[in-house]
């Protein structure tokens, strides 16, 4: 039996932990359900989690676990900022601090 390390979010309610087999048998699970692994903070759609992407494929059509994990998500070109908006805010904060520092240097002379 596999470990119960997965949490899902349905209707803004966190559920879990579940094993891969639990999720495979749950009719509510879709590629757009948010999930996270135990001890991870980031909620992501299941279709973007390599370990869970195989929930939606017939495993007999793949030769190995590596081949299953290599199946790309449907929207491969999605930017990281769209996957996790917090990256955008950290970069924005860094840019603001950098601009403020440059203005300070040039006005201090």
PDB file of N, CA and C in Angstrom:
ATOM      1  N   UNK A   1       0.839  -1.179   0.000  1.00  0.00           N
ATOM      2  CA  UNK A   1       0.000   0.000   0.000  1.00  0.00           C
ATOM      3  C   UNK A   1       0.885   1.244   0.000  1.00  0.00           C
ATOM      4  N   UNK A   2       0.534   2.214  -0.813  1.00  0.00           N
ATOM      5  CA  UNK A   2       1.364   3.410  -0.895  1.00  0.00           C
ATOM      6  C   UNK A   2       1.059   4.356   0.266  1.00  0.00           C
ATOM      7  N   UNK A   3       1.976   5.294   0.450  1.00  0.00           N
ATOM      8  CA  UNK A   3       1.857   6.234   1.555  1.00  0.00           C
ATOM      9  C   UNK A   3       0.728   7.232   1.335  1.00  0.00           C
ATOM     10  N   UNK A   4       0.138   7.658   2.417  1.00  0.00           N
ATOM     11  CA  UNK A   4      -0.900   8.687   2.361  1.00  0.00           C
ATOM     12  C   UNK A   4      -0.205  10.032   2.544  1.00  0.00           C
ATOM     13  N   UNK A   5       0.187  10.640   1.405  1.00  0.00           N
ATOM     14  CA  UNK A   5       0.975  11.873   1.441  1.00  0.00           C
ATOM     15  C   UNK A   5       0.354  13.003   0.631  1.00  0.00           C
ATOM     16  N   UNK A   6      -0.831  12.791   0.076  1.00  0.00           N
ATOM     17  CA  UNK A   6      -1.443  13.778  -0.798  1.00  0.00           C
ATOM     18  C   UNK A   6      -2.650  14.434  -0.145  1.00  0.00           C
ATOM     19  N   UNK A   7      -2.735  15.741  -0.310  1.00  0.00           N
ATOM     20  CA  UNK A   7      -3.879  16.513   0.150  1.00  0.00           C
ATOM     21  C   UNK A   7      -4.538  17.148  -1.064  1.00  0.00           C
ATOM     22  N   UNK A   8      -5.858  17.231  -1.038  1.00  0.00           N
ATOM     23  CA  UNK A   8      -6.579  17.852  -2.133  1.00  0.00           C
ATOM     24  C   UNK A   8      -7.450  18.960  -1.571  1.00  0.00           C
ATOM     25  N   UNK A   9      -7.824  19.882  -2.446  1.00  0.00           N
ATOM     26  CA  UNK A   9      -8.695  20.982  -2.040  1.00  0.00           C
ATOM     27  C   UNK A   9      -9.910  20.957  -2.950  1.00  0.00           C
ATOM     28  N   UNK A  10     -11.077  20.677  -2.353  1.00  0.00           N
ATOM     29  CA  UNK A  10     -12.339  20.649  -3.082  1.00  0.00           C
ATOM     30  C   UNK A  10     -13.288  21.618  -2.386  1.00  0.00           C
ATOM     31  N   UNK A  11     -13.857  22.536  -3.156  1.00  0.00           N
ATOM     32  CA  UNK A  11     -14.746  23.580  -2.610  1.00  0.00           C
ATOM     33  C   UNK A  11     -14.065  24.345  -1.476  1.00  0.00           C
ATOM     34  N   UNK A  12     -12.789  24.667  -1.683  1.00  0.00           N
ATOM     35  CA  UNK A  12     -11.972  25.406  -0.707  1.00  0.00           C
ATOM     36  C   UNK A  12     -11.822  24.697   0.634  1.00  0.00           C
ATOM     37  N   UNK A  13     -12.042  23.390   0.650  1.00  0.00           N
ATOM     38  CA  UNK A  13     -11.849  22.608   1.865  1.00  0.00           C
ATOM     39  C   UNK A  13     -10.717  21.606   1.626  1.00  0.00           C
ATOM     40  N   UNK A  14      -9.759  21.633   2.541  1.00  0.00           N
ATOM     41  CA  UNK A  14      -8.628  20.716   2.440  1.00  0.00           C
ATOM     42  C   UNK A  14      -9.035  19.337   2.940  1.00  0.00           C
ATOM     43  N   UNK A  15      -8.691  18.323   2.157  1.00  0.00           N
ATOM     44  CA  UNK A  15      -8.972  16.940   2.545  1.00  0.00           C
ATOM     45  C   UNK A  15      -7.695  16.126   2.425  1.00  0.00           C
ATOM     46  N   UNK A  16      -7.584  15.121   3.258  1.00  0.00           N
ATOM     47  CA  UNK A  16      -6.441  14.233   3.166  1.00  0.00           C
ATOM     48  C   UNK A  16      -5.905  13.922   4.541  1.00  0.00           C
ATOM     49  N   UNK A  17      -4.880  13.149   4.594  1.00  0.00           N
ATOM     50  CA  UNK A  17      -4.043  12.700   3.495  1.00  0.00           C
ATOM     51  C   UNK A  17      -4.629  11.487   2.767  1.00  0.00           C
ATOM     52  N   UNK A  18      -4.280  11.406   1.485  1.00  0.00           N
ATOM     53  CA  UNK A  18      -4.702  10.299   0.635  1.00  0.00           C
ATOM     54  C   UNK A  18      -3.483   9.636   0.013  1.00  0.00           C
ATOM     55  N   UNK A  19      -3.640   8.384  -0.322  1.00  0.00           N
ATOM     56  CA  UNK A  19      -2.615   7.698  -1.095  1.00  0.00           C
ATOM     57  C   UNK A  19      -2.944   7.865  -2.574  1.00  0.00           C
ATOM     58  N   UNK A  20      -2.022   7.490  -3.436  1.00  0.00           N
ATOM     59  CA  UNK A  20      -2.271   7.554  -4.876  1.00  0.00           C
ATOM     60  C   UNK A  20      -3.484   6.699  -5.224  1.00  0.00           C
ATOM     61  N   UNK A  21      -3.580   5.515  -4.623  1.00  0.00           N
ATOM     62  CA  UNK A  21      -4.701   4.620  -4.897  1.00  0.00           C
ATOM     63  C   UNK A  21      -6.033   5.229  -4.462  1.00  0.00           C
ATOM     64  N   UNK A  22      -6.018   5.941  -3.325  1.00  0.00           N
ATOM     65  CA  UNK A  22      -7.235   6.622  -2.874  1.00  0.00           C
ATOM     66  C   UNK A  22      -7.696   7.637  -3.911  1.00  0.00           C
ATOM     67  N   UNK A  23      -6.750   8.400  -4.431  1.00  0.00           N
ATOM     68  CA  UNK A  23      -7.090   9.420  -5.431  1.00  0.00           C
ATOM     69  C   UNK A  23      -7.548   8.782  -6.736  1.00  0.00           C
ATOM     70  N   UNK A  24      -6.926   7.675  -7.101  1.00  0.00           N
ATOM     71  CA  UNK A  24      -7.290   6.986  -8.346  1.00  0.00           C
ATOM     72  C   UNK A  24      -8.746   6.513  -8.291  1.00  0.00           C
ATOM     73  N   UNK A  25      -9.203   6.124  -7.127  1.00  0.00           N
ATOM     74  CA  UNK A  25     -10.559   5.610  -7.000  1.00  0.00           C
ATOM     75  C   UNK A  25     -11.612   6.666  -6.678  1.00  0.00           C
ATOM     76  N   UNK A  26     -11.185   7.911  -6.496  1.00  0.00           N
ATOM     77  CA  UNK A  26     -12.118   8.976  -6.127  1.00  0.00           C
ATOM     78  C   UNK A  26     -12.713   9.610  -7.380  1.00  0.00           C
ATOM     79  N   UNK A  27     -14.022   9.528  -7.531  1.00  0.00           N
ATOM     80  CA  UNK A  27     -14.693  10.048  -8.727  1.00  0.00           C
ATOM     81  C   UNK A  27     -14.672  11.565  -8.814  1.00  0.00           C
ATOM     82  N   UNK A  28     -14.397  12.247  -7.708  1.00  0.00           N
ATOM     83  CA  UNK A  28     -14.372  13.713  -7.711  1.00  0.00           C
ATOM     84  C   UNK A  28     -13.104  14.283  -8.322  1.00  0.00           C
ATOM     85  N   UNK A  29     -12.073  13.442  -8.461  1.00  0.00           N
ATOM     86  CA  UNK A  29     -10.772  13.910  -8.908  1.00  0.00           C
ATOM     87  C   UNK A  29     -10.790  14.224 -10.405  1.00  0.00           C
ATOM     88  N   UNK A  30     -10.385  15.455 -10.724  1.00  0.00           N
ATOM     89  CA  UNK A  30     -10.239  15.895 -12.112  1.00  0.00           C
ATOM     90  C   UNK A  30      -8.842  16.503 -12.255  1.00  0.00           C
ATOM     91  N   UNK A  31      -8.383  16.736 -13.479  1.00  0.00           N
ATOM     92  CA  UNK A  31      -7.057  17.340 -13.662  1.00  0.00           C
ATOM     93  C   UNK A  31      -6.941  18.735 -13.052  1.00  0.00           C
ATOM     94  N   UNK A  32      -8.060  19.411 -12.804  1.00  0.00           N
ATOM     95  CA  UNK A  32      -8.016  20.767 -12.278  1.00  0.00           C
ATOM     96  C   UNK A  32      -8.163  20.861 -10.765  1.00  0.00           C
ATOM     97  N   UNK A  33      -8.369  19.741 -10.084  1.00  0.00           N
ATOM     98  CA  UNK A  33      -8.446  19.743  -8.625  1.00  0.00           C
ATOM     99  C   UNK A  33      -7.069  20.134  -8.081  1.00  0.00           C
ATOM    100  N   UNK A  34      -7.055  21.021  -7.094  1.00  0.00           N
ATOM    101  CA  UNK A  34      -5.792  21.435  -6.479  1.00  0.00           C
ATOM    102  C   UNK A  34      -5.310  20.355  -5.519  1.00  0.00           C
ATOM    103  N   UNK A  35      -4.002  20.142  -5.544  1.00  0.00           N
ATOM    104  CA  UNK A  35      -3.409  19.123  -4.674  1.00  0.00           C
ATOM    105  C   UNK A  35      -2.030  19.595  -4.222  1.00  0.00           C
ATOM    106  N   UNK A  36      -1.570  18.989  -3.155  1.00  0.00           N
ATOM    107  CA  UNK A  36      -0.204  19.240  -2.686  1.00  0.00           C
ATOM    108  C   UNK A  36       0.285  17.996  -1.956  1.00  0.00           C
ATOM    109  N   UNK A  37       1.574  17.858  -1.938  1.00  0.00           N
ATOM    110  CA  UNK A  37       2.199  16.743  -1.236  1.00  0.00           C
ATOM    111  C   UNK A  37       2.424  17.158   0.220  1.00  0.00           C
ATOM    112  N   UNK A  38       2.420  16.188   1.097  1.00  0.00           N
ATOM    113  CA  UNK A  38       2.679  16.445   2.510  1.00  0.00           C
ATOM    114  C   UNK A  38       3.958  17.260   2.659  1.00  0.00           C
ATOM    115  N   UNK A  39       3.945  18.242   3.533  1.00  0.00           N
ATOM    116  CA  UNK A  39       5.077  19.131   3.810  1.00  0.00           C
ATOM    117  C   UNK A  39       5.366  20.121   2.686  1.00  0.00           C
ATOM    118  N   UNK A  40       4.513  20.222   1.682  1.00  0.00           N
ATOM    119  CA  UNK A  40       4.638  21.245   0.652  1.00  0.00           C
ATOM    120  C   UNK A  40       3.542  22.279   0.869  1.00  0.00           C
ATOM    121  N   UNK A  41       3.842  23.520   0.569  1.00  0.00           N
ATOM    122  CA  UNK A  41       2.876  24.590   0.791  1.00  0.00           C
ATOM    123  C   UNK A  41       2.088  24.944  -0.458  1.00  0.00           C
ATOM    124  N   UNK A  42       2.657  24.700  -1.618  1.00  0.00           N
ATOM    125  CA  UNK A  42       2.071  25.144  -2.874  1.00  0.00           C
ATOM    126  C   UNK A  42       0.971  24.207  -3.355  1.00  0.00           C
ATOM    127  N   UNK A  43      -0.222  24.759  -3.559  1.00  0.00           N
ATOM    128  CA  UNK A  43      -1.327  23.998  -4.140  1.00  0.00           C
ATOM    129  C   UNK A  43      -1.230  24.144  -5.649  1.00  0.00           C
ATOM    130  N   UNK A  44      -1.290  23.028  -6.377  1.00  0.00           N
ATOM    131  CA  UNK A  44      -1.209  23.050  -7.833  1.00  0.00           C
ATOM    132  C   UNK A  44      -2.280  22.140  -8.406  1.00  0.00           C
ATOM    133  N   UNK A  45      -2.741  22.439  -9.625  1.00  0.00           N
ATOM    134  CA  UNK A  45      -3.677  21.515 -10.272  1.00  0.00           C
ATOM    135  C   UNK A  45      -2.990  20.159 -10.475  1.00  0.00           C
ATOM    136  N   UNK A  46      -3.734  19.095 -10.324  1.00  0.00           N
ATOM    137  CA  UNK A  46      -3.156  17.749 -10.439  1.00  0.00           C
ATOM    138  C   UNK A  46      -2.467  17.553 -11.784  1.00  0.00           C
ATOM    139  N   UNK A  47      -2.993  18.158 -12.849  1.00  0.00           N
ATOM    140  CA  UNK A  47      -2.396  17.979 -14.178  1.00  0.00           C
ATOM    141  C   UNK A  47      -0.977  18.536 -14.258  1.00  0.00           C
ATOM    142  N   UNK A  48      -0.572  19.356 -13.281  1.00  0.00           N
ATOM    143  CA  UNK A  48       0.770  19.936 -13.281  1.00  0.00           C
ATOM    144  C   UNK A  48       1.702  19.252 -12.295  1.00  0.00           C
ATOM    145  N   UNK A  49       1.241  18.195 -11.664  1.00  0.00           N
ATOM    146  CA  UNK A  49       2.062  17.441 -10.715  1.00  0.00           C
ATOM    147  C   UNK A  49       2.454  16.126 -11.386  1.00  0.00           C
ATOM    148  N   UNK A  50       3.732  15.995 -11.706  1.00  0.00           N
ATOM    149  CA  UNK A  50       4.207  14.830 -12.466  1.00  0.00           C
ATOM    150  C   UNK A  50       3.813  13.510 -11.810  1.00  0.00           C
ATOM    151  N   UNK A  51       3.896  13.438 -10.490  1.00  0.00           N
ATOM    152  CA  UNK A  51       3.587  12.196  -9.789  1.00  0.00           C
ATOM    153  C   UNK A  51       2.112  11.817  -9.859  1.00  0.00           C
ATOM    154  N   UNK A  52       1.238  12.815 -10.046  1.00  0.00           N
ATOM    155  CA  UNK A  52      -0.199  12.535 -10.064  1.00  0.00           C
ATOM    156  C   UNK A  52      -0.802  12.554 -11.465  1.00  0.00           C
ATOM    157  N   UNK A  53      -0.045  13.021 -12.439  1.00  0.00           N
ATOM    158  CA  UNK A  53      -0.566  13.109 -13.803  1.00  0.00           C
ATOM    159  C   UNK A  53      -1.042  11.757 -14.325  1.00  0.00           C
ATOM    160  N   UNK A  54      -0.420  10.712 -13.852  1.00  0.00           N
ATOM    161  CA  UNK A  54      -0.793   9.375 -14.341  1.00  0.00           C
ATOM    162  C   UNK A  54      -2.141   8.893 -13.833  1.00  0.00           C
ATOM    163  N   UNK A  55      -2.779   9.667 -12.949  1.00  0.00           N
ATOM    164  CA  UNK A  55      -4.139   9.329 -12.522  1.00  0.00           C
ATOM    165  C   UNK A  55      -5.081   9.272 -13.718  1.00  0.00           C
ATOM    166  N   UNK A  56      -4.752  10.000 -14.776  1.00  0.00           N
ATOM    167  CA  UNK A  56      -5.656  10.151 -15.907  1.00  0.00           C
ATOM    168  C   UNK A  56      -5.203   9.397 -17.151  1.00  0.00           C
ATOM    169  N   UNK A  57      -4.219   8.495 -16.998  1.00  0.00           N
ATOM    170  CA  UNK A  57      -3.742   7.703 -18.117  1.00  0.00           C
ATOM    171  C   UNK A  57      -3.876   6.225 -17.795  1.00  0.00           C
ATOM    172  N   UNK A  58      -4.054   5.445 -18.814  1.00  0.00           N
ATOM    173  CA  UNK A  58      -4.073   3.995 -18.660  1.00  0.00           C
ATOM    174  C   UNK A  58      -2.624   3.546 -18.518  1.00  0.00           C
ATOM    175  N   UNK A  59      -2.242   3.077 -17.333  1.00  0.00           N
ATOM    176  CA  UNK A  59      -0.853   2.737 -17.061  1.00  0.00           C
ATOM    177  C   UNK A  59      -0.328   1.599 -17.935  1.00  0.00           C
ATOM    178  N   UNK A  60      -1.199   0.775 -18.471  1.00  0.00           N
ATOM    179  CA  UNK A  60      -0.747  -0.332 -19.308  1.00  0.00           C
ATOM    180  C   UNK A  60      -0.169   0.158 -20.640  1.00  0.00           C
ATOM    181  N   UNK A  61      -0.488   1.403 -21.023  1.00  0.00           N
ATOM    182  CA  UNK A  61       0.024   1.921 -22.285  1.00  0.00           C
ATOM    183  C   UNK A  61       1.427   2.497 -22.137  1.00  0.00           C
ATOM    184  N   UNK A  62       1.987   2.522 -20.925  1.00  0.00           N
ATOM    185  CA  UNK A  62       3.332   3.028 -20.699  1.00  0.00           C
ATOM    186  C   UNK A  62       4.245   1.884 -20.285  1.00  0.00           C
ATOM    187  N   UNK A  63       5.527   2.000 -20.665  1.00  0.00           N
ATOM    188  CA  UNK A  63       6.500   0.959 -20.354  1.00  0.00           C
ATOM    189  C   UNK A  63       7.163   1.135 -18.989  1.00  0.00           C
ATOM    190  N   UNK A  64       7.258   2.381 -18.510  1.00  0.00           N
ATOM    191  CA  UNK A  64       7.981   2.605 -17.264  1.00  0.00           C
ATOM    192  C   UNK A  64       7.421   3.817 -16.530  1.00  0.00           C
ATOM    193  N   UNK A  65       7.818   3.930 -15.247  1.00  0.00           N
ATOM    194  CA  UNK A  65       7.423   5.082 -14.445  1.00  0.00           C
ATOM    195  C   UNK A  65       7.992   6.371 -15.037  1.00  0.00           C
ATOM    196  N   UNK A  66       9.224   6.308 -15.587  1.00  0.00           N
ATOM    197  CA  UNK A  66       9.840   7.494 -16.177  1.00  0.00           C
ATOM    198  C   UNK A  66       9.026   7.989 -17.368  1.00  0.00           C
ATOM    199  N   UNK A  67       8.506   7.070 -18.156  1.00  0.00           N
ATOM    200  CA  UNK A  67       7.708   7.452 -19.314  1.00  0.00           C
ATOM    201  C   UNK A  67       6.404   8.111 -18.874  1.00  0.00           C
ATOM    202  N   UNK A  68       5.812   7.620 -17.800  1.00  0.00           N
ATOM    203  CA  UNK A  68       4.591   8.228 -17.269  1.00  0.00           C
ATOM    204  C   UNK A  68       4.902   9.634 -16.764  1.00  0.00           C
ATOM    205  N   UNK A  69       5.998   9.783 -16.018  1.00  0.00           N
ATOM    206  CA  UNK A  69       6.357  11.089 -15.458  1.00  0.00           C
ATOM    207  C   UNK A  69       6.728  12.094 -16.540  1.00  0.00           C
ATOM    208  N   UNK A  70       7.159  11.601 -17.704  1.00  0.00           N
ATOM    209  CA  UNK A  70       7.583  12.510 -18.774  1.00  0.00           C
ATOM    210  C   UNK A  70       6.421  13.077 -19.578  1.00  0.00           C
ATOM    211  N   UNK A  71       5.209  12.607 -19.336  1.00  0.00           N
ATOM    212  CA  UNK A  71       4.053  13.142 -20.066  1.00  0.00           C
ATOM    213  C   UNK A  71       3.876  14.600 -19.667  1.00  0.00           C
ATOM    214  N   UNK A  72       3.968  15.522 -20.633  1.00  0.00           N
ATOM    215  CA  UNK A  72       3.883  16.938 -20.273  1.00  0.00           C
ATOM    216  C   UNK A  72       2.467  17.349 -19.929  1.00  0.00           C
ATOM    217  N   UNK A  73       2.325  18.371 -19.105  1.00  0.00           N
ATOM    218  CA  UNK A  73       0.987  18.886 -18.837  1.00  0.00           C
ATOM    219  C   UNK A  73       0.396  19.476 -20.100  1.00  0.00           C
ATOM    220  N   UNK A  74      -0.924  19.598 -20.133  1.00  0.00           N
ATOM    221  CA  UNK A  74      -1.598  20.086 -21.334  1.00  0.00           C
ATOM    222  C   UNK A  74      -1.154  21.471 -21.741  1.00  0.00           C
ATOM    223  N   UNK A  75      -0.931  22.338 -20.795  1.00  0.00           N
ATOM    224  CA  UNK A  75      -0.534  23.703 -21.121  1.00  0.00           C
ATOM    225  C   UNK A  75       0.930  23.927 -20.754  1.00  0.00           C
ATOM    226  N   UNK A  76       1.833  23.280 -21.479  1.00  0.00           N
ATOM    227  CA  UNK A  76       3.264  23.307 -21.234  1.00  0.00           C
ATOM    228  C   UNK A  76       3.820  24.732 -21.261  1.00  0.00           C
ATOM    229  N   UNK A  77       3.204  25.626 -22.021  1.00  0.00           N
ATOM    230  CA  UNK A  77       3.738  26.968 -22.183  1.00  0.00           C
ATOM    231  C   UNK A  77       3.281  27.947 -21.115  1.00  0.00           C
ATOM    232  N   UNK A  78       2.566  27.464 -20.102  1.00  0.00           N
ATOM    233  CA  UNK A  78       2.117  28.339 -19.023  1.00  0.00           C
ATOM    234  C   UNK A  78       3.322  28.880 -18.272  1.00  0.00           C
ATOM    235  N   UNK A  79       3.331  30.159 -18.047  1.00  0.00           N
ATOM    236  CA  UNK A  79       4.448  30.780 -17.344  1.00  0.00           C
ATOM    237  C   UNK A  79       4.425  30.419 -15.870  1.00  0.00           C
ATOM    238  N   UNK A  80       5.600  30.408 -15.262  1.00  0.00           N
ATOM    239  CA  UNK A  80       5.711  30.089 -13.839  1.00  0.00           C
ATOM    240  C   UNK A  80       4.898  31.072 -13.019  1.00  0.00           C
ATOM    241  N   UNK A  81       4.839  32.329 -13.453  1.00  0.00           N
ATOM    242  CA  UNK A  81       4.079  33.320 -12.697  1.00  0.00           C
ATOM    243  C   UNK A  81       2.597  33.008 -12.695  1.00  0.00           C
ATOM    244  N   UNK A  82       2.107  32.350 -13.748  1.00  0.00           N
ATOM    245  CA  UNK A  82       0.707  31.986 -13.779  1.00  0.00           C
ATOM    246  C   UNK A  82       0.455  30.743 -12.929  1.00  0.00           C
ATOM    247  N   UNK A  83       1.447  29.885 -12.815  1.00  0.00           N
ATOM    248  CA  UNK A  83       1.294  28.685 -12.002  1.00  0.00           C
ATOM    249  C   UNK A  83       1.274  29.035 -10.518  1.00  0.00           C
ATOM    250  N   UNK A  84       2.123  29.994 -10.131  1.00  0.00           N
ATOM    251  CA  UNK A  84       2.188  30.397  -8.731  1.00  0.00           C
ATOM    252  C   UNK A  84       2.393  31.898  -8.667  1.00  0.00           C
ATOM    253  N   UNK A  85       1.337  32.653  -8.462  1.00  0.00           N
ATOM    254  CA  UNK A  85       1.448  34.113  -8.470  1.00  0.00           C
ATOM    255  C   UNK A  85       2.417  34.668  -7.429  1.00  0.00           C
ATOM    256  N   UNK A  86       2.745  33.917  -6.394  1.00  0.00           N
ATOM    257  CA  UNK A  86       3.648  34.446  -5.377  1.00  0.00           C
ATOM    258  C   UNK A  86       5.022  34.756  -5.960  1.00  0.00           C
ATOM    259  N   UNK A  87       5.452  34.034  -7.003  1.00  0.00           N
ATOM    260  CA  UNK A  87       6.724  34.355  -7.654  1.00  0.00           C
ATOM    261  C   UNK A  87       6.680  35.768  -8.211  1.00  0.00           C
ATOM    262  N   UNK A  88       5.593  36.149  -8.802  1.00  0.00           N
ATOM    263  CA  UNK A  88       5.451  37.489  -9.371  1.00  0.00           C
ATOM    264  C   UNK A  88       5.638  38.546  -8.292  1.00  0.00           C
ATOM    265  N   UNK A  89       5.029  38.357  -7.142  1.00  0.00           N
ATOM    266  CA  UNK A  89       5.126  39.340  -6.079  1.00  0.00           C
ATOM    267  C   UNK A  89       6.539  39.446  -5.513  1.00  0.00           C
ATOM    268  N   UNK A  90       7.257  38.325  -5.427  1.00  0.00           N
ATOM    269  CA  UNK A  90       8.640  38.376  -4.952  1.00  0.00           C
ATOM    270  C   UNK A  90       9.519  39.120  -5.945  1.00  0.00           C
ATOM    271  N   UNK A  91       9.334  38.883  -7.218  1.00  0.00           N
ATOM    272  CA  UNK A  91      10.113  39.598  -8.244  1.00  0.00           C
ATOM    273  C   UNK A  91       9.749  41.071  -8.241  1.00  0.00           C
ATOM    274  N   UNK A  92       8.476  41.390  -8.078  1.00  0.00           N
ATOM    275  CA  UNK A  92       8.045  42.779  -8.022  1.00  0.00           C
ATOM    276  C   UNK A  92       8.668  43.480  -6.816  1.00  0.00           C
ATOM    277  N   UNK A  93       8.661  42.826  -5.666  1.00  0.00           N
ATOM    278  CA  UNK A  93       9.272  43.394  -4.467  1.00  0.00           C
ATOM    279  C   UNK A  93      10.765  43.631  -4.692  1.00  0.00           C
ATOM    280  N   UNK A  94      11.452  42.674  -5.283  1.00  0.00           N
ATOM    281  CA  UNK A  94      12.880  42.825  -5.579  1.00  0.00           C
ATOM    282  C   UNK A  94      13.124  44.000  -6.510  1.00  0.00           C
ATOM    283  N   UNK A  95      12.300  44.157  -7.537  1.00  0.00           N
ATOM    284  CA  UNK A  95      12.447  45.265  -8.478  1.00  0.00           C
ATOM    285  C   UNK A  95      12.235  46.604  -7.780  1.00  0.00           C
ATOM    286  N   UNK A  96      11.236  46.683  -6.903  1.00  0.00           N
ATOM    287  CA  UNK A  96      10.966  47.930  -6.177  1.00  0.00           C
ATOM    288  C   UNK A  96      12.146  48.294  -5.282  1.00  0.00           C
ATOM    289  N   UNK A  97      12.681  47.322  -4.580  1.00  0.00           N
ATOM    290  CA  UNK A  97      13.834  47.572  -3.709  1.00  0.00           C
ATOM    291  C   UNK A  97      15.033  48.023  -4.536  1.00  0.00           C
ATOM    292  N   UNK A  98      15.272  47.399  -5.669  1.00  0.00           N
ATOM    293  CA  UNK A  98      16.394  47.754  -6.531  1.00  0.00           C
ATOM    294  C   UNK A  98      16.244  49.174  -7.061  1.00  0.00           C
ATOM    295  N   UNK A  99      15.059  49.532  -7.532  1.00  0.00           N
ATOM    296  CA  UNK A  99      14.811  50.893  -8.036  1.00  0.00           C
ATOM    297  C   UNK A  99      14.980  51.906  -6.916  1.00  0.00           C
ATOM    298  N   UNK A 100      14.465  51.596  -5.731  1.00  0.00           N
ATOM    299  CA  UNK A 100      14.613  52.511  -4.597  1.00  0.00           C
ATOM    300  C   UNK A 100      16.085  52.702  -4.237  1.00  0.00           C
ATOM    301  N   UNK A 101      16.874  51.653  -4.301  1.00  0.00           N
ATOM    302  CA  UNK A 101      18.304  51.733  -4.003  1.00  0.00           C
ATOM    303  C   UNK A 101      19.016  52.588  -5.042  1.00  0.00           C
ATOM    304  N   UNK A 102      18.701  52.409  -6.307  1.00  0.00           N
ATOM    305  CA  UNK A 102      19.324  53.204  -7.373  1.00  0.00           C
ATOM    306  C   UNK A 102      18.958  54.679  -7.210  1.00  0.00           C
ATOM    307  N   UNK A 103      17.703  54.978  -6.902  1.00  0.00           N
ATOM    308  CA  UNK A 103      17.290  56.369  -6.681  1.00  0.00           C
ATOM    309  C   UNK A 103      18.032  56.942  -5.476  1.00  0.00           C
ATOM    310  N   UNK A 104      18.174  56.169  -4.421  1.00  0.00           N
ATOM    311  CA  UNK A 104      18.912  56.620  -3.234  1.00  0.00           C
ATOM    312  C   UNK A 104      20.357  56.956  -3.575  1.00  0.00           C
ATOM    313  N   UNK A 105      21.022  56.106  -4.343  1.00  0.00           N
ATOM    314  CA  UNK A 105      22.426  56.321  -4.707  1.00  0.00           C
ATOM    315  C   UNK A 105      22.576  57.618  -5.501  1.00  0.00           C
ATOM    316  N   UNK A 106      21.724  57.826  -6.480  1.00  0.00           N
ATOM    317  CA  UNK A 106      21.860  58.995  -7.350  1.00  0.00           C
ATOM    318  C   UNK A 106      21.412  60.288  -6.676  1.00  0.00           C
ATOM    319  N   UNK A 107      20.531  60.224  -5.702  1.00  0.00           N
ATOM    320  CA  UNK A 107      20.096  61.439  -5.025  1.00  0.00           C
ATOM    321  C   UNK A 107      20.997  61.770  -3.824  1.00  0.00           C
ATOM    322  N   UNK A 108      21.790  60.846  -3.373  1.00  0.00           N
ATOM    323  CA  UNK A 108      22.653  61.061  -2.221  1.00  0.00           C
ATOM    324  C   UNK A 108      23.895  61.852  -2.604  1.00  0.00           C
ATOM    325  N   UNK A 109      24.252  61.933  -3.856  1.00  0.00           N
ATOM    326  CA  UNK A 109      25.461  62.635  -4.287  1.00  0.00           C
ATOM    327  C   UNK A 109      25.335  64.102  -4.271  1.00  0.00           C
TER     328      UNK A 109
END
